[in-house]
C-alpha atoms as a PDB file:
ATOM      1  CA  MET A   1      -6.616   6.727 -18.852  1.00  0.00           C
ATOM      2  CA  VAL A   2      -9.189   6.230 -16.150  1.00  0.00           C
ATOM      3  CA  ASN A   3      -8.674   7.281 -12.530  1.00  0.00           C
ATOM      4  CA  LEU A   4      -9.855   4.908  -9.832  1.00  0.00           C
ATOM      5  CA  THR A   5     -10.324   5.373  -6.095  1.00  0.00           C
ATOM      6  CA  ILE A   6      -9.884   2.293  -3.925  1.00  0.00           C
ATOM      7  CA  ARG A   7     -11.541   2.587  -0.551  1.00  0.00           C
ATOM      8  CA  ASN A   8     -11.205   0.715   2.737  1.00  0.00           C
ATOM      9  CA  ILE A   9      -7.728  -0.693   2.132  1.00  0.00           C
ATOM     10  CA  PRO A  10      -6.749  -2.655   5.249  1.00  0.00           C
ATOM     11  CA  ASP A  11      -3.863  -1.075   7.143  1.00  0.00           C
ATOM     12  CA  GLU A  12      -1.702  -4.200   6.846  1.00  0.00           C
ATOM     13  CA  ILE A  13      -2.026  -4.296   3.050  1.00  0.00           C
ATOM     14  CA  LEU A  14      -1.270  -0.573   2.775  1.00  0.00           C
ATOM     15  CA  LYS A  15       1.800  -1.038   4.971  1.00  0.00           C
ATOM     16  CA  ARG A  16       3.057  -3.899   2.775  1.00  0.00           C
ATOM     17  CA  ILE A  17       2.531  -1.861  -0.404  1.00  0.00           C
ATOM     18  CA  ARG A  18       4.428   1.100   1.121  1.00  0.00           C
ATOM     19  CA  ILE A  19       7.343  -1.157   2.061  1.00  0.00           C
ATOM     20  CA  LEU A  20       7.445  -2.768  -1.378  1.00  0.00           C
ATOM     21  CA  ALA A  21       7.204   0.622  -3.137  1.00  0.00           C
ATOM     22  CA  ALA A  22      10.101   1.978  -1.072  1.00  0.00           C
ATOM     23  CA  LYS A  23      12.162  -1.154  -1.673  1.00  0.00           C
ATOM     24  CA  GLU A  24      11.586  -0.966  -5.427  1.00  0.00           C
ATOM     25  CA  ARG A  25      11.992   2.857  -5.457  1.00  0.00           C
ATOM     26  CA  ARG A  26       8.558   3.388  -6.989  1.00  0.00           C
ATOM     27  CA  SER A  27       5.581   5.544  -6.099  1.00  0.00           C
ATOM     28  CA  MET A  28       2.646   3.933  -4.331  1.00  0.00           C
ATOM     29  CA  ASN A  29       0.578   4.382  -7.496  1.00  0.00           C
ATOM     30  CA  SER A  30       3.171   2.658  -9.681  1.00  0.00           C
ATOM     31  CA  GLU A  31       3.562  -0.151  -7.190  1.00  0.00           C
ATOM     32  CA  MET A  32      -0.204  -0.694  -7.006  1.00  0.00           C
ATOM     33  CA  LEU A  33      -0.417  -0.911 -10.807  1.00  0.00           C
ATOM     34  CA  ILE A  34       2.395  -3.472 -10.894  1.00  0.00           C
ATOM     35  CA  VAL A  35       0.834  -5.556  -8.110  1.00  0.00           C
ATOM     36  CA  ILE A  36      -2.536  -5.504  -9.890  1.00  0.00           C
ATOM     37  CA  GLU A  37      -0.957  -6.438 -13.236  1.00  0.00           C
ATOM     38  CA  GLU A  38       1.024  -9.285 -11.695  1.00  0.00           C
ATOM     39  CA  GLY A  39      -2.052 -10.553  -9.891  1.00  0.00           C
ATOM     40  CA  LEU A  40      -4.106 -10.421 -13.064  1.00  0.00           C
ATOM     41  CA  SER A  41      -1.454 -12.199 -15.090  1.00  0.00           C
ATOM     42  CA  SER A  42      -1.602 -15.117 -12.673  1.00  0.00           C
ATOM     43  CA  LYS A  43      -5.409 -15.257 -12.806  1.00  0.00           C
ATOM     44  CA  ILE A  44      -6.221 -14.399 -16.436  1.00  0.00           C
ATOM     45  CA  SER A  45      -4.623 -15.621 -19.637  1.00  0.00           C
ATOM     46  CA  PHE A  46      -4.509 -13.101 -22.478  1.00  0.00           C
ATOM     47  CA  ASP A  47      -4.294 -13.604 -26.197  1.00  0.00           C
ATOM     48  CA  SER A  48      -0.974 -12.768 -27.850  1.00  0.00           C
ATOM     49  CA  ALA A  49      -2.281  -9.433 -29.163  1.00  0.00           C
ATOM     50  CA  ALA A  50      -2.809  -8.159 -25.618  1.00  0.00           C
ATOM     51  CA  THR A  51       0.551  -9.217 -24.170  1.00  0.00           C
ATOM     52  CA  GLY A  52       3.941  -7.686 -24.658  1.00  0.00           C
ATOM     53  CA  THR A  53       7.212  -9.466 -25.182  1.00  0.00           C
ATOM     54  CA  GLY A  54       9.176  -8.128 -22.205  1.00  0.00           C
ATOM     55  CA  PHE A  55       9.323  -9.379 -18.665  1.00  0.00           C
ATOM     56  CA  SER A  56       9.045  -7.670 -15.306  1.00  0.00           C
ATOM     57  CA  GLY A  57       9.759  -8.580 -11.714  1.00  0.00           C
ATOM     58  CA  SER A  58      12.881 -10.033 -10.143  1.00  0.00           C
ATOM     59  CA  SER A  59      12.108 -13.582 -11.291  1.00  0.00           C
ATOM     60  CA  GLY A  60      11.570 -12.450 -14.893  1.00  0.00           C
ATOM     61  CA  ASN A  61       8.493 -14.627 -15.353  1.00  0.00           C
ATOM     62  CA  VAL A  62       5.697 -12.038 -15.505  1.00  0.00           C
ATOM     63  CA  PRO A  63       4.929 -10.814 -19.028  1.00  0.00           C
ATOM     64  CA  LEU A  64       4.342  -7.092 -19.456  1.00  0.00           C
ATOM     65  CA  LEU A  65       1.036  -6.066 -20.972  1.00  0.00           C
ATOM     66  CA  SER A  66       0.947  -3.826 -23.998  1.00  0.00           C
ATOM     67  CA  CYS A  67      -0.764  -0.437 -23.687  1.00  0.00           C
ATOM     68  CA  ALA A  68      -3.782  -1.873 -25.510  1.00  0.00           C
ATOM     69  CA  GLY A  69      -3.874  -4.824 -23.102  1.00  0.00           C
ATOM     70  CA  ARG A  70      -3.694  -2.551 -20.066  1.00  0.00           C
ATOM     71  CA  GLU A  71      -6.396  -0.276 -21.424  1.00  0.00           C
ATOM     72  CA  LYS A  72      -8.658  -3.266 -22.101  1.00  0.00           C
ATOM     73  CA  ILE A  73      -8.224  -4.614 -18.562  1.00  0.00           C
ATOM     74  CA  TRP A  74      -8.789  -1.271 -16.857  1.00  0.00           C
ATOM     75  CA  THR A  75     -11.819  -0.512 -19.032  1.00  0.00           C
ATOM     76  CA  GLU A  76     -13.388  -3.855 -18.153  1.00  0.00           C
ATOM     77  CA  LEU A  77     -12.572  -3.507 -14.456  1.00  0.00           C
ATOM     78  CA  CYS A  78     -13.627   0.107 -14.046  1.00  0.00           C
ATOM     79  CA  GLY A  79     -16.835   0.567 -15.982  1.00  0.00           C
ATOM     80  CA  GLU A  80     -18.491   3.831 -15.030  1.00  0.00           C
ATOM     81  CA  TRP A  81     -18.540   5.569 -11.712  1.00  0.00           C
ATOM     82  CA  LYS A  82     -22.116   6.274 -10.743  1.00  0.00           C
ATOM     83  CA  ASP A  83     -22.792   8.458  -7.748  1.00  0.00           C
ATOM     84  CA  ASN A  84     -25.792  10.732  -7.390  1.00  0.00           C
ATOM     85  CA  ARG A  85     -24.284  12.956  -4.723  1.00  0.00           C
ATOM     86  CA  PRO A  86     -23.440  16.566  -5.598  1.00  0.00           C
ATOM     87  CA  THR A  87     -19.888  17.168  -6.819  1.00  0.00           C
ATOM     88  CA  LYS A  88     -19.071  19.365  -3.807  1.00  0.00           C
ATOM     89  CA  ASP A  89     -19.881  16.438  -1.465  1.00  0.00           C
ATOM     90  CA  LEU A  90     -17.680  14.064  -3.452  1.00  0.00           C
ATOM     91  CA  VAL A  91     -14.771  16.517  -3.466  1.00  0.00           C
ATOM     92  CA  ALA A  92     -15.148  17.099   0.282  1.00  0.00           C
ATOM     93  CA  GLU A  93     -15.148  13.344   0.939  1.00  0.00           C
ATOM     94  CA  ILE A  94     -12.029  12.790  -1.152  1.00  0.00           C
ATOM     95  CA  ALA A  95     -10.238  15.651   0.632  1.00  0.00           C
ATOM     96  CA  ILE A  96     -11.122  14.211   4.059  1.00  0.00           C
ATOM     97  CA  LEU A  97     -10.028  10.695   3.115  1.00  0.00           C
ATOM     98  CA  ARG A  98      -6.738  11.869   1.569  1.00  0.00           C
ATOM     99  CA  ALA A  99      -5.960  13.946   4.640  1.00  0.00           C
ATOM    100  CA  GLY A 100      -6.506  10.886   6.827  1.00  0.00           C
ATOM    101  CA  GLY A 101      -9.334  12.532   8.730  1.00  0.00           C
ATOM    102  CA  GLY A 102     -11.992  10.035   7.651  1.00  0.00           C
ATOM    103  CA  GLU A 103     -10.096   6.913   8.707  1.00  0.00           C
ATOM    104  CA  GLY A 104     -11.477   5.127   5.648  1.00  0.00           C
ATOM    105  CA  GLU A 105     -15.136   5.912   6.282  1.00  0.00           C
ATOM    106  CA  ALA A 106     -17.104   7.625   3.534  1.00  0.00           C
ATOM    107  CA  LEU A 107     -19.510  10.471   4.091  1.00  0.00           C
ATOM    108  CA  SER A 108     -23.202   9.607   3.935  1.00  0.00           C
END
């Protein structure tokens, strides 16, 4: 699986995700994955090999993606992370942003 960092999330969206995650008793990460999957399912149609047979969500109308389908989507969305900065600078930036000290602004 690929890890992905999403930067500059507006406060209002983050607040709504936190509320939804708490309501559904899920982690923020799990909730984000579900929101992304549901959004993609409404925007992109998949062939039958990529979709599962179960349903998710309270309305029961969102098909679950198979592991292969999820991997395909994430691979296409993510690509490769290219950053020429030294690793120590990247790690320092991530630490600052996770601690809330950077207020969403990246280091130069």
